[in-house]
Amino acid sequence: MAGYGTLRPLPPPEKALICPGGGTKDLAARIGPGHARLARVRVYLGSDHAGFELKSVLANWLASAGHEVTDCGPASYHEHDDYPPYVMRAAAATAADPDSVAIVIGGSGNGEQIAANKIAGIRAALVWSEETARLARLHNDANVLSLGARMHPAADAIAFTHVFLATPFSGEVRHVRRLEMITEYERCGDLPPLPGWE
């Protein structure tokens, strides 16, 4: 994926963000005036019980920003929900739809990233800052964003998501080469050769 579309300014509906547990944050101030977002993106969402509330917040934010959202579940809160059925469906949908991304959410985001990365063609990145969100796209061409709902306020998770969607893959030769090694391993199971200086 070289990018998701044409950059355009953030629309006014994104300015006010109502956070779980009450309170309003000014999203435009949070992500800064220099940020813009890409045109409509298909986004598949999946979570477990710990990520359920943040999944709903992100679904609303994404829809208000003009993105096409598909919620792969769960449809309602159940305290014993396991993440693999929902997260792996979101990841599989993204693997089958190269112009899309997925966002998977749990308590820490670790298990969700692991599960998503079991799907061939998925490059899921656990993100904990705007910089890791940017680098996940810029260097790794990540197509799945994994978030820990217990690790960040909703406003931060939205800012990470915005940066992830707004950042294109750099396409630099070194990054392409590394991703090709991973893709080839997925295809045939052979480990990449060691460099000549080993």
N, C-alpha and C. Protein backbone atom coordinates (compact mmCIF):
# COMPACT_ATOMS: atom_id res chain seq x y z
N MET A 1 0.84 -1.18 0.00
CA MET A 1 0.00 0.00 0.00
C MET A 1 0.88 1.24 0.00
N ALA A 2 0.80 2.04 -1.01
CA ALA A 2 1.58 3.25 -1.08
C ALA A 2 0.88 4.40 -0.35
N GLY A 3 -0.38 4.30 -0.14
CA GLY A 3 -1.15 5.35 0.52
C GLY A 3 -2.61 5.03 0.40
N TYR A 4 -3.44 5.83 1.04
CA TYR A 4 -4.86 5.53 1.06
C TYR A 4 -5.70 6.54 0.32
N GLY A 5 -5.12 7.53 -0.29
CA GLY A 5 -5.94 8.49 -0.99
C GLY A 5 -5.32 9.87 -0.94
N THR A 6 -6.15 10.87 -1.18
CA THR A 6 -5.70 12.25 -1.26
C THR A 6 -5.84 12.93 0.08
N LEU A 7 -4.82 13.68 0.49
CA LEU A 7 -4.90 14.42 1.74
C LEU A 7 -5.92 15.53 1.64
N ARG A 8 -6.67 15.71 2.72
CA ARG A 8 -7.56 16.85 2.82
C ARG A 8 -7.64 17.27 4.28
N PRO A 9 -8.03 18.53 4.55
CA PRO A 9 -8.06 18.98 5.94
C PRO A 9 -9.07 18.20 6.76
N LEU A 10 -8.85 18.18 8.08
CA LEU A 10 -9.80 17.56 8.98
C LEU A 10 -11.14 18.27 8.89
N PRO A 11 -12.25 17.55 8.82
CA PRO A 11 -13.56 18.20 8.78
C PRO A 11 -13.97 18.68 10.16
N PRO A 12 -14.85 19.68 10.24
CA PRO A 12 -15.29 20.21 11.53
C PRO A 12 -15.88 19.18 12.49
N PRO A 13 -16.64 18.13 12.06
CA PRO A 13 -17.22 17.20 13.03
C PRO A 13 -16.20 16.53 13.93
N GLU A 14 -14.93 16.50 13.55
CA GLU A 14 -13.94 15.84 14.38
C GLU A 14 -13.46 16.70 15.53
N LYS A 15 -13.82 18.00 15.52
CA LYS A 15 -13.25 18.89 16.54
C LYS A 15 -13.62 18.48 17.94
N ALA A 16 -14.87 18.13 18.16
CA ALA A 16 -15.30 17.75 19.51
C ALA A 16 -15.26 16.24 19.65
N LEU A 17 -14.63 15.79 20.69
CA LEU A 17 -14.53 14.36 20.97
C LEU A 17 -15.09 14.11 22.35
N ILE A 18 -16.09 13.27 22.46
CA ILE A 18 -16.61 12.90 23.76
C ILE A 18 -15.92 11.62 24.17
N CYS A 19 -15.27 11.65 25.32
CA CYS A 19 -14.46 10.53 25.77
C CYS A 19 -15.26 9.64 26.71
N PRO A 20 -14.96 8.33 26.74
CA PRO A 20 -15.62 7.46 27.70
C PRO A 20 -15.40 8.00 29.12
N GLY A 21 -16.45 7.88 29.91
CA GLY A 21 -16.36 8.38 31.28
C GLY A 21 -16.62 9.88 31.35
N GLY A 22 -17.05 10.49 30.25
CA GLY A 22 -17.37 11.91 30.25
C GLY A 22 -16.20 12.75 29.83
N GLY A 23 -16.48 14.01 29.61
CA GLY A 23 -15.42 14.95 29.24
C GLY A 23 -15.32 15.11 27.74
N THR A 24 -14.83 16.25 27.34
CA THR A 24 -14.67 16.54 25.91
C THR A 24 -13.24 17.00 25.69
N LYS A 25 -12.65 16.55 24.62
CA LYS A 25 -11.30 16.98 24.25
C LYS A 25 -11.41 17.66 22.89
N ASP A 26 -10.55 18.62 22.64
CA ASP A 26 -10.49 19.28 21.35
C ASP A 26 -9.52 18.50 20.48
N LEU A 27 -10.05 17.67 19.59
CA LEU A 27 -9.20 16.79 18.78
C LEU A 27 -8.30 17.59 17.85
N ALA A 28 -8.84 18.66 17.28
CA ALA A 28 -8.01 19.47 16.37
C ALA A 28 -6.76 19.98 17.10
N ALA A 29 -6.93 20.41 18.34
CA ALA A 29 -5.78 20.87 19.11
C ALA A 29 -4.88 19.70 19.47
N ARG A 30 -5.47 18.54 19.74
CA ARG A 30 -4.71 17.35 20.17
C ARG A 30 -3.76 16.87 19.08
N ILE A 31 -4.27 16.80 17.84
CA ILE A 31 -3.43 16.27 16.77
C ILE A 31 -2.67 17.35 16.03
N GLY A 32 -3.02 18.60 16.25
CA GLY A 32 -2.24 19.70 15.71
C GLY A 32 -2.71 20.17 14.35
N PRO A 33 -2.48 21.45 14.03
CA PRO A 33 -2.98 22.02 12.78
C PRO A 33 -2.27 21.50 11.55
N GLY A 34 -1.07 20.96 11.69
CA GLY A 34 -0.34 20.47 10.52
C GLY A 34 -0.81 19.12 10.03
N HIS A 35 -1.63 18.45 10.82
CA HIS A 35 -2.10 17.13 10.42
C HIS A 35 -3.29 17.24 9.48
N ALA A 36 -3.33 16.36 8.52
CA ALA A 36 -4.49 16.22 7.64
C ALA A 36 -4.78 14.74 7.57
N ARG A 37 -5.93 14.40 7.05
CA ARG A 37 -6.23 12.98 6.95
C ARG A 37 -6.49 12.60 5.51
N LEU A 38 -6.38 11.34 5.25
CA LEU A 38 -6.57 10.86 3.90
C LEU A 38 -8.04 10.65 3.61
N ALA A 39 -8.37 10.67 2.33
CA ALA A 39 -9.75 10.44 1.92
C ALA A 39 -10.22 9.08 2.43
N ARG A 40 -11.45 8.84 2.28
CA ARG A 40 -12.14 7.67 2.81
C ARG A 40 -11.34 6.37 2.72
N VAL A 41 -11.27 5.69 3.86
CA VAL A 41 -10.55 4.42 3.98
C VAL A 41 -11.53 3.39 4.53
N ARG A 42 -11.45 2.16 4.03
CA ARG A 42 -12.22 1.07 4.63
C ARG A 42 -11.45 0.57 5.85
N VAL A 43 -12.11 0.52 6.99
CA VAL A 43 -11.48 0.14 8.24
C VAL A 43 -12.29 -0.98 8.88
N TYR A 44 -11.63 -2.11 9.12
CA TYR A 44 -12.25 -3.23 9.82
C TYR A 44 -11.83 -3.18 11.28
N LEU A 45 -12.79 -3.33 12.18
CA LEU A 45 -12.53 -3.26 13.61
C LEU A 45 -12.80 -4.59 14.28
N GLY A 46 -11.97 -4.95 15.26
CA GLY A 46 -12.18 -6.15 16.06
C GLY A 46 -11.58 -5.94 17.44
N SER A 47 -12.23 -6.51 18.45
CA SER A 47 -11.73 -6.33 19.82
C SER A 47 -12.13 -7.50 20.69
N ASP A 48 -11.77 -7.39 21.96
CA ASP A 48 -12.31 -8.28 22.98
C ASP A 48 -13.10 -7.42 23.95
N HIS A 49 -13.44 -7.97 25.10
CA HIS A 49 -14.22 -7.22 26.08
C HIS A 49 -13.47 -5.97 26.55
N ALA A 50 -12.16 -6.07 26.73
CA ALA A 50 -11.39 -4.93 27.24
C ALA A 50 -11.33 -3.79 26.22
N GLY A 51 -11.41 -4.12 24.95
CA GLY A 51 -11.35 -3.11 23.91
C GLY A 51 -12.69 -2.67 23.38
N PHE A 52 -13.77 -3.25 23.92
CA PHE A 52 -15.11 -3.02 23.36
C PHE A 52 -15.50 -1.54 23.38
N GLU A 53 -15.30 -0.87 24.50
CA GLU A 53 -15.72 0.53 24.61
C GLU A 53 -14.90 1.42 23.67
N LEU A 54 -13.59 1.21 23.63
CA LEU A 54 -12.76 2.01 22.72
C LEU A 54 -13.10 1.70 21.26
N LYS A 55 -13.44 0.46 20.96
CA LYS A 55 -13.85 0.11 19.59
C LYS A 55 -15.06 0.95 19.18
N SER A 56 -16.01 1.10 20.07
CA SER A 56 -17.21 1.90 19.77
C SER A 56 -16.85 3.37 19.56
N VAL A 57 -15.95 3.89 20.41
CA VAL A 57 -15.51 5.29 20.26
C VAL A 57 -14.81 5.48 18.92
N LEU A 58 -13.92 4.56 18.57
CA LEU A 58 -13.21 4.67 17.29
C LEU A 58 -14.14 4.52 16.10
N ALA A 59 -15.11 3.61 16.20
CA ALA A 59 -16.07 3.43 15.11
C ALA A 59 -16.82 4.73 14.85
N ASN A 60 -17.26 5.39 15.90
CA ASN A 60 -17.97 6.66 15.75
C ASN A 60 -17.07 7.74 15.18
N TRP A 61 -15.84 7.82 15.69
CA TRP A 61 -14.91 8.83 15.18
C TRP A 61 -14.59 8.60 13.71
N LEU A 62 -14.30 7.34 13.35
CA LEU A 62 -13.97 7.02 11.96
C LEU A 62 -15.14 7.35 11.03
N ALA A 63 -16.35 6.99 11.44
CA ALA A 63 -17.53 7.26 10.60
C ALA A 63 -17.73 8.76 10.45
N SER A 64 -17.56 9.53 11.53
CA SER A 64 -17.75 10.98 11.45
C SER A 64 -16.68 11.63 10.58
N ALA A 65 -15.52 10.95 10.46
CA ALA A 65 -14.44 11.46 9.62
C ALA A 65 -14.60 11.02 8.16
N GLY A 66 -15.66 10.28 7.87
CA GLY A 66 -15.94 9.90 6.49
C GLY A 66 -15.39 8.56 6.05
N HIS A 67 -14.86 7.78 6.98
CA HIS A 67 -14.32 6.47 6.64
C HIS A 67 -15.42 5.42 6.64
N GLU A 68 -15.20 4.35 5.89
CA GLU A 68 -16.14 3.23 5.80
C GLU A 68 -15.75 2.20 6.86
N VAL A 69 -16.60 2.01 7.85
CA VAL A 69 -16.28 1.18 9.00
C VAL A 69 -17.06 -0.13 8.96
N THR A 70 -16.35 -1.24 9.14
CA THR A 70 -16.98 -2.54 9.31
C THR A 70 -16.55 -3.09 10.66
N ASP A 71 -17.51 -3.30 11.54
CA ASP A 71 -17.24 -3.81 12.88
C ASP A 71 -17.34 -5.33 12.84
N CYS A 72 -16.21 -5.99 13.03
CA CYS A 72 -16.15 -7.46 13.00
C CYS A 72 -16.47 -8.07 14.36
N GLY A 73 -16.84 -7.24 15.31
CA GLY A 73 -17.28 -7.73 16.60
C GLY A 73 -16.28 -7.51 17.71
N PRO A 74 -16.79 -7.80 18.88
CA PRO A 74 -18.11 -8.29 19.24
C PRO A 74 -19.18 -7.20 19.09
N ALA A 75 -20.42 -7.65 18.91
CA ALA A 75 -21.54 -6.73 18.72
C ALA A 75 -22.03 -6.15 20.05
N SER A 76 -21.77 -6.84 21.13
CA SER A 76 -22.16 -6.36 22.46
C SER A 76 -21.11 -6.80 23.47
N TYR A 77 -21.14 -6.17 24.62
CA TYR A 77 -20.14 -6.44 25.65
C TYR A 77 -20.43 -7.74 26.38
N HIS A 78 -19.42 -8.61 26.44
CA HIS A 78 -19.47 -9.83 27.26
C HIS A 78 -18.11 -9.93 27.94
N GLU A 79 -18.11 -9.99 29.27
CA GLU A 79 -16.85 -9.88 30.00
C GLU A 79 -15.86 -11.01 29.74
N HIS A 80 -16.30 -12.11 29.14
CA HIS A 80 -15.39 -13.22 28.88
C HIS A 80 -15.07 -13.40 27.39
N ASP A 81 -15.37 -12.39 26.59
CA ASP A 81 -15.07 -12.49 25.16
C ASP A 81 -13.58 -12.74 24.94
N ASP A 82 -13.27 -13.64 24.03
CA ASP A 82 -11.91 -13.87 23.58
C ASP A 82 -11.66 -13.02 22.34
N TYR A 83 -10.44 -12.56 22.17
CA TYR A 83 -10.15 -11.69 21.02
C TYR A 83 -9.93 -12.41 19.70
N PRO A 84 -9.39 -13.64 19.65
CA PRO A 84 -9.05 -14.19 18.34
C PRO A 84 -10.20 -14.24 17.32
N PRO A 85 -11.42 -14.64 17.68
CA PRO A 85 -12.46 -14.70 16.65
C PRO A 85 -12.73 -13.36 15.97
N TYR A 86 -12.67 -12.29 16.72
CA TYR A 86 -13.00 -10.96 16.17
C TYR A 86 -11.80 -10.31 15.50
N VAL A 87 -10.67 -10.38 16.16
CA VAL A 87 -9.45 -9.77 15.65
C VAL A 87 -8.99 -10.45 14.37
N MET A 88 -9.04 -11.77 14.35
CA MET A 88 -8.58 -12.49 13.16
C MET A 88 -9.53 -12.29 11.99
N ARG A 89 -10.82 -12.08 12.26
CA ARG A 89 -11.75 -11.75 11.17
C ARG A 89 -11.45 -10.37 10.60
N ALA A 90 -11.16 -9.41 11.46
CA ALA A 90 -10.80 -8.08 10.98
C ALA A 90 -9.52 -8.13 10.14
N ALA A 91 -8.53 -8.86 10.62
CA ALA A 91 -7.27 -8.99 9.89
C ALA A 91 -7.46 -9.72 8.56
N ALA A 92 -8.25 -10.80 8.57
CA ALA A 92 -8.49 -11.55 7.33
C ALA A 92 -9.22 -10.69 6.31
N ALA A 93 -10.16 -9.86 6.77
CA ALA A 93 -10.87 -8.97 5.85
C ALA A 93 -9.90 -7.98 5.22
N THR A 94 -8.96 -7.47 6.00
CA THR A 94 -7.97 -6.54 5.47
C THR A 94 -7.02 -7.23 4.49
N ALA A 95 -6.61 -8.45 4.81
CA ALA A 95 -5.74 -9.20 3.90
C ALA A 95 -6.42 -9.42 2.55
N ALA A 96 -7.73 -9.61 2.57
CA ALA A 96 -8.49 -9.84 1.34
C ALA A 96 -8.85 -8.54 0.62
N ASP A 97 -8.61 -7.41 1.25
CA ASP A 97 -9.02 -6.11 0.73
C ASP A 97 -7.82 -5.16 0.85
N PRO A 98 -6.90 -5.20 -0.11
CA PRO A 98 -5.62 -4.48 0.02
C PRO A 98 -5.72 -2.97 0.20
N ASP A 99 -6.85 -2.36 -0.12
CA ASP A 99 -7.00 -0.92 0.06
C ASP A 99 -7.56 -0.55 1.43
N SER A 100 -7.61 -1.52 2.32
CA SER A 100 -8.20 -1.28 3.63
C SER A 100 -7.15 -1.42 4.73
N VAL A 101 -7.56 -1.10 5.94
CA VAL A 101 -6.76 -1.34 7.13
C VAL A 101 -7.68 -1.94 8.19
N ALA A 102 -7.07 -2.47 9.24
CA ALA A 102 -7.85 -2.93 10.38
C ALA A 102 -7.30 -2.28 11.63
N ILE A 103 -8.17 -2.14 12.61
CA ILE A 103 -7.77 -1.70 13.94
C ILE A 103 -8.26 -2.75 14.91
N VAL A 104 -7.33 -3.30 15.68
CA VAL A 104 -7.67 -4.34 16.64
C VAL A 104 -7.34 -3.82 18.04
N ILE A 105 -8.22 -4.12 18.99
CA ILE A 105 -8.13 -3.47 20.29
C ILE A 105 -8.36 -4.48 21.41
N GLY A 106 -7.47 -4.44 22.38
CA GLY A 106 -7.63 -5.24 23.58
C GLY A 106 -7.22 -4.45 24.79
N GLY A 107 -6.93 -5.12 25.89
CA GLY A 107 -6.47 -4.42 27.09
C GLY A 107 -5.12 -3.79 26.86
N SER A 108 -4.15 -4.59 26.39
CA SER A 108 -2.81 -4.09 26.11
C SER A 108 -2.54 -3.97 24.61
N GLY A 109 -3.27 -4.72 23.80
CA GLY A 109 -3.04 -4.76 22.36
C GLY A 109 -2.03 -5.82 21.94
N ASN A 110 -1.36 -6.43 22.90
CA ASN A 110 -0.33 -7.43 22.57
C ASN A 110 -0.91 -8.68 21.93
N GLY A 111 -1.88 -9.29 22.58
CA GLY A 111 -2.48 -10.51 22.04
C GLY A 111 -3.14 -10.28 20.71
N GLU A 112 -3.76 -9.11 20.57
CA GLU A 112 -4.45 -8.77 19.33
C GLU A 112 -3.47 -8.65 18.18
N GLN A 113 -2.31 -8.04 18.46
CA GLN A 113 -1.27 -7.94 17.43
C GLN A 113 -0.77 -9.32 17.03
N ILE A 114 -0.55 -10.18 18.03
CA ILE A 114 -0.07 -11.53 17.75
C ILE A 114 -1.07 -12.29 16.89
N ALA A 115 -2.34 -12.23 17.26
CA ALA A 115 -3.38 -12.94 16.51
C ALA A 115 -3.50 -12.42 15.09
N ALA A 116 -3.50 -11.11 14.93
CA ALA A 116 -3.63 -10.52 13.59
C ALA A 116 -2.46 -10.93 12.71
N ASN A 117 -1.26 -10.99 13.28
CA ASN A 117 -0.08 -11.34 12.49
C ASN A 117 -0.02 -12.80 12.07
N LYS A 118 -0.94 -13.62 12.54
CA LYS A 118 -1.02 -15.01 12.08
C LYS A 118 -1.71 -15.11 10.72
N ILE A 119 -2.35 -14.04 10.29
CA ILE A 119 -3.02 -14.02 8.99
C ILE A 119 -2.01 -13.63 7.92
N ALA A 120 -1.88 -14.45 6.90
CA ALA A 120 -0.93 -14.16 5.82
C ALA A 120 -1.22 -12.80 5.19
N GLY A 121 -0.16 -12.04 4.99
CA GLY A 121 -0.30 -10.73 4.36
C GLY A 121 -0.54 -9.60 5.34
N ILE A 122 -0.66 -9.93 6.61
CA ILE A 122 -0.90 -8.89 7.62
C ILE A 122 0.40 -8.44 8.25
N ARG A 123 0.49 -7.13 8.43
CA ARG A 123 1.61 -6.51 9.13
C ARG A 123 1.00 -5.65 10.23
N ALA A 124 0.75 -6.28 11.38
CA ALA A 124 0.11 -5.59 12.50
C ALA A 124 1.16 -4.97 13.40
N ALA A 125 0.92 -3.73 13.79
CA ALA A 125 1.85 -2.99 14.64
C ALA A 125 1.15 -2.56 15.92
N LEU A 126 1.77 -2.88 17.05
CA LEU A 126 1.30 -2.39 18.34
C LEU A 126 1.82 -0.96 18.50
N VAL A 127 0.89 -0.03 18.66
CA VAL A 127 1.23 1.38 18.68
C VAL A 127 0.97 1.96 20.07
N TRP A 128 1.91 2.76 20.56
CA TRP A 128 1.74 3.37 21.88
C TRP A 128 2.05 4.87 21.87
N SER A 129 2.28 5.44 20.70
CA SER A 129 2.54 6.87 20.58
C SER A 129 2.26 7.28 19.14
N GLU A 130 2.19 8.58 18.92
CA GLU A 130 2.00 9.05 17.56
C GLU A 130 3.20 8.69 16.68
N GLU A 131 4.40 8.71 17.28
CA GLU A 131 5.61 8.36 16.52
C GLU A 131 5.61 6.90 16.11
N THR A 132 5.20 6.00 17.01
CA THR A 132 5.17 4.58 16.62
C THR A 132 4.08 4.34 15.58
N ALA A 133 3.00 5.11 15.64
CA ALA A 133 1.95 5.00 14.60
C ALA A 133 2.51 5.44 13.25
N ARG A 134 3.25 6.54 13.25
CA ARG A 134 3.83 7.06 12.00
C ARG A 134 4.85 6.08 11.42
N LEU A 135 5.74 5.58 12.27
CA LEU A 135 6.78 4.67 11.79
C LEU A 135 6.21 3.33 11.34
N ALA A 136 5.13 2.89 11.97
CA ALA A 136 4.50 1.63 11.56
C ALA A 136 4.07 1.69 10.09
N ARG A 137 3.59 2.84 9.68
CA ARG A 137 3.19 3.00 8.27
C ARG A 137 4.40 3.35 7.40
N LEU A 138 5.19 4.33 7.84
CA LEU A 138 6.27 4.87 7.03
C LEU A 138 7.33 3.83 6.70
N HIS A 139 7.74 3.04 7.70
CA HIS A 139 8.82 2.07 7.52
C HIS A 139 8.33 0.64 7.30
N ASN A 140 7.20 0.27 7.91
CA ASN A 140 6.77 -1.13 7.91
C ASN A 140 5.55 -1.41 7.06
N ASP A 141 4.96 -0.38 6.46
CA ASP A 141 3.75 -0.53 5.64
C ASP A 141 2.69 -1.34 6.40
N ALA A 142 2.56 -1.06 7.70
CA ALA A 142 1.59 -1.80 8.52
C ALA A 142 0.18 -1.59 7.97
N ASN A 143 -0.58 -2.66 7.95
CA ASN A 143 -1.97 -2.57 7.51
C ASN A 143 -2.96 -2.88 8.64
N VAL A 144 -2.44 -3.16 9.83
CA VAL A 144 -3.28 -3.34 11.01
C VAL A 144 -2.65 -2.55 12.16
N LEU A 145 -3.49 -1.77 12.81
CA LEU A 145 -3.10 -1.00 13.99
C LEU A 145 -3.64 -1.71 15.22
N SER A 146 -2.77 -2.03 16.16
CA SER A 146 -3.19 -2.67 17.40
C SER A 146 -3.07 -1.67 18.55
N LEU A 147 -4.14 -1.56 19.34
CA LEU A 147 -4.19 -0.59 20.43
C LEU A 147 -4.55 -1.26 21.74
N GLY A 148 -3.99 -0.76 22.82
CA GLY A 148 -4.33 -1.20 24.15
C GLY A 148 -5.27 -0.22 24.81
N ALA A 149 -6.52 -0.63 24.98
CA ALA A 149 -7.53 0.28 25.54
C ALA A 149 -7.24 0.65 26.99
N ARG A 150 -6.56 -0.23 27.71
CA ARG A 150 -6.23 0.06 29.10
C ARG A 150 -4.95 0.88 29.24
N MET A 151 -4.28 1.11 28.15
CA MET A 151 -2.99 1.80 28.17
C MET A 151 -3.09 3.28 27.86
N HIS A 152 -4.17 3.72 27.19
CA HIS A 152 -4.25 5.09 26.69
C HIS A 152 -5.65 5.66 26.85
N PRO A 153 -5.74 6.97 27.10
CA PRO A 153 -7.04 7.63 27.02
C PRO A 153 -7.57 7.56 25.59
N ALA A 154 -8.87 7.67 25.42
CA ALA A 154 -9.46 7.61 24.09
C ALA A 154 -8.91 8.67 23.16
N ALA A 155 -8.66 9.87 23.68
CA ALA A 155 -8.13 10.94 22.83
C ALA A 155 -6.78 10.56 22.24
N ASP A 156 -5.93 9.90 23.03
CA ASP A 156 -4.64 9.45 22.51
C ASP A 156 -4.82 8.37 21.44
N ALA A 157 -5.70 7.42 21.70
CA ALA A 157 -5.94 6.35 20.73
C ALA A 157 -6.45 6.91 19.41
N ILE A 158 -7.30 7.91 19.48
CA ILE A 158 -7.80 8.55 18.25
C ILE A 158 -6.66 9.27 17.54
N ALA A 159 -5.82 9.96 18.29
CA ALA A 159 -4.67 10.64 17.66
C ALA A 159 -3.74 9.64 17.00
N PHE A 160 -3.47 8.50 17.65
CA PHE A 160 -2.63 7.46 17.05
C PHE A 160 -3.26 6.96 15.75
N THR A 161 -4.57 6.75 15.80
CA THR A 161 -5.30 6.25 14.62
C THR A 161 -5.22 7.26 13.49
N HIS A 162 -5.39 8.52 13.82
CA HIS A 162 -5.32 9.57 12.79
C HIS A 162 -3.96 9.58 12.11
N VAL A 163 -2.90 9.53 12.90
CA VAL A 163 -1.54 9.53 12.34
C VAL A 163 -1.33 8.29 11.47
N PHE A 164 -1.78 7.14 11.95
CA PHE A 164 -1.64 5.89 11.20
C PHE A 164 -2.31 6.01 9.83
N LEU A 165 -3.54 6.53 9.81
CA LEU A 165 -4.27 6.65 8.54
C LEU A 165 -3.68 7.71 7.63
N ALA A 166 -3.05 8.73 8.21
CA ALA A 166 -2.54 9.85 7.41
C ALA A 166 -1.13 9.62 6.87
N THR A 167 -0.47 8.56 7.31
CA THR A 167 0.92 8.35 6.93
C THR A 167 1.03 7.30 5.82
N PRO A 168 1.60 7.65 4.69
CA PRO A 168 1.83 6.64 3.64
C PRO A 168 3.13 5.88 3.88
N PHE A 169 3.23 4.71 3.28
CA PHE A 169 4.48 3.95 3.28
C PHE A 169 5.51 4.72 2.48
N SER A 170 6.74 4.78 2.97
CA SER A 170 7.80 5.56 2.31
C SER A 170 8.22 4.94 0.98
N GLY A 171 8.17 3.61 0.90
CA GLY A 171 8.63 2.94 -0.31
C GLY A 171 10.14 2.91 -0.46
N GLU A 172 10.88 3.31 0.59
CA GLU A 172 12.34 3.29 0.51
C GLU A 172 12.84 1.87 0.27
N VAL A 173 13.91 1.77 -0.50
CA VAL A 173 14.43 0.47 -0.93
C VAL A 173 14.70 -0.45 0.26
N ARG A 174 15.32 0.06 1.32
CA ARG A 174 15.66 -0.80 2.46
C ARG A 174 14.41 -1.37 3.12
N HIS A 175 13.34 -0.56 3.19
CA HIS A 175 12.11 -1.05 3.81
C HIS A 175 11.39 -2.05 2.90
N VAL A 176 11.40 -1.77 1.61
CA VAL A 176 10.80 -2.71 0.66
C VAL A 176 11.53 -4.04 0.72
N ARG A 177 12.86 -4.01 0.75
CA ARG A 177 13.66 -5.23 0.82
C ARG A 177 13.30 -6.05 2.05
N ARG A 178 13.18 -5.41 3.19
CA ARG A 178 12.86 -6.13 4.44
C ARG A 178 11.47 -6.72 4.39
N LEU A 179 10.53 -5.98 3.86
CA LEU A 179 9.16 -6.51 3.76
C LEU A 179 9.09 -7.67 2.77
N GLU A 180 9.89 -7.61 1.71
CA GLU A 180 9.93 -8.73 0.76
C GLU A 180 10.46 -9.99 1.42
N MET A 181 11.43 -9.86 2.34
CA MET A 181 11.93 -11.03 3.07
C MET A 181 10.82 -11.67 3.90
N ILE A 182 10.03 -10.86 4.55
CA ILE A 182 8.93 -11.37 5.36
C ILE A 182 7.87 -12.04 4.48
N THR A 183 7.54 -11.40 3.37
CA THR A 183 6.55 -11.95 2.45
C THR A 183 7.01 -13.28 1.88
N GLU A 184 8.29 -13.36 1.53
CA GLU A 184 8.83 -14.61 0.99
C GLU A 184 8.80 -15.71 2.04
N TYR A 185 9.09 -15.40 3.28
CA TYR A 185 9.00 -16.40 4.34
C TYR A 185 7.56 -16.90 4.50
N GLU A 186 6.60 -15.99 4.46
CA GLU A 186 5.18 -16.39 4.53
C GLU A 186 4.83 -17.33 3.38
N ARG A 187 5.40 -17.04 2.20
CA ARG A 187 5.06 -17.82 1.00
C ARG A 187 5.65 -19.22 1.03
N CYS A 188 6.93 -19.35 1.42
CA CYS A 188 7.59 -20.65 1.27
C CYS A 188 8.15 -21.22 2.56
N GLY A 189 8.24 -20.43 3.63
CA GLY A 189 8.73 -20.94 4.90
C GLY A 189 10.24 -20.99 5.03
N ASP A 190 10.97 -20.45 4.06
CA ASP A 190 12.44 -20.42 4.14
C ASP A 190 12.90 -19.14 4.83
N LEU A 191 13.79 -19.29 5.80
CA LEU A 191 14.33 -18.11 6.49
C LEU A 191 15.16 -17.28 5.52
N PRO A 192 15.17 -15.96 5.69
CA PRO A 192 15.99 -15.12 4.81
C PRO A 192 17.47 -15.47 4.98
N PRO A 193 18.25 -15.37 3.93
CA PRO A 193 19.68 -15.67 4.06
C PRO A 193 20.35 -14.62 4.95
N LEU A 194 21.39 -15.07 5.63
CA LEU A 194 22.18 -14.14 6.44
C LEU A 194 22.97 -13.23 5.53
N PRO A 195 23.23 -11.98 5.96
CA PRO A 195 24.02 -11.09 5.12
C PRO A 195 25.44 -11.62 4.95
N GLY A 196 26.11 -11.18 3.91
CA GLY A 196 27.45 -11.68 3.59
C GLY A 196 28.50 -11.44 4.64
N TRP A 197 28.29 -10.47 5.53
CA TRP A 197 29.30 -10.15 6.54
C TRP A 197 29.16 -10.98 7.81
N GLU A 198 28.19 -11.88 7.88
CA GLU A 198 28.02 -12.77 9.06
C GLU A 198 29.03 -13.91 9.03
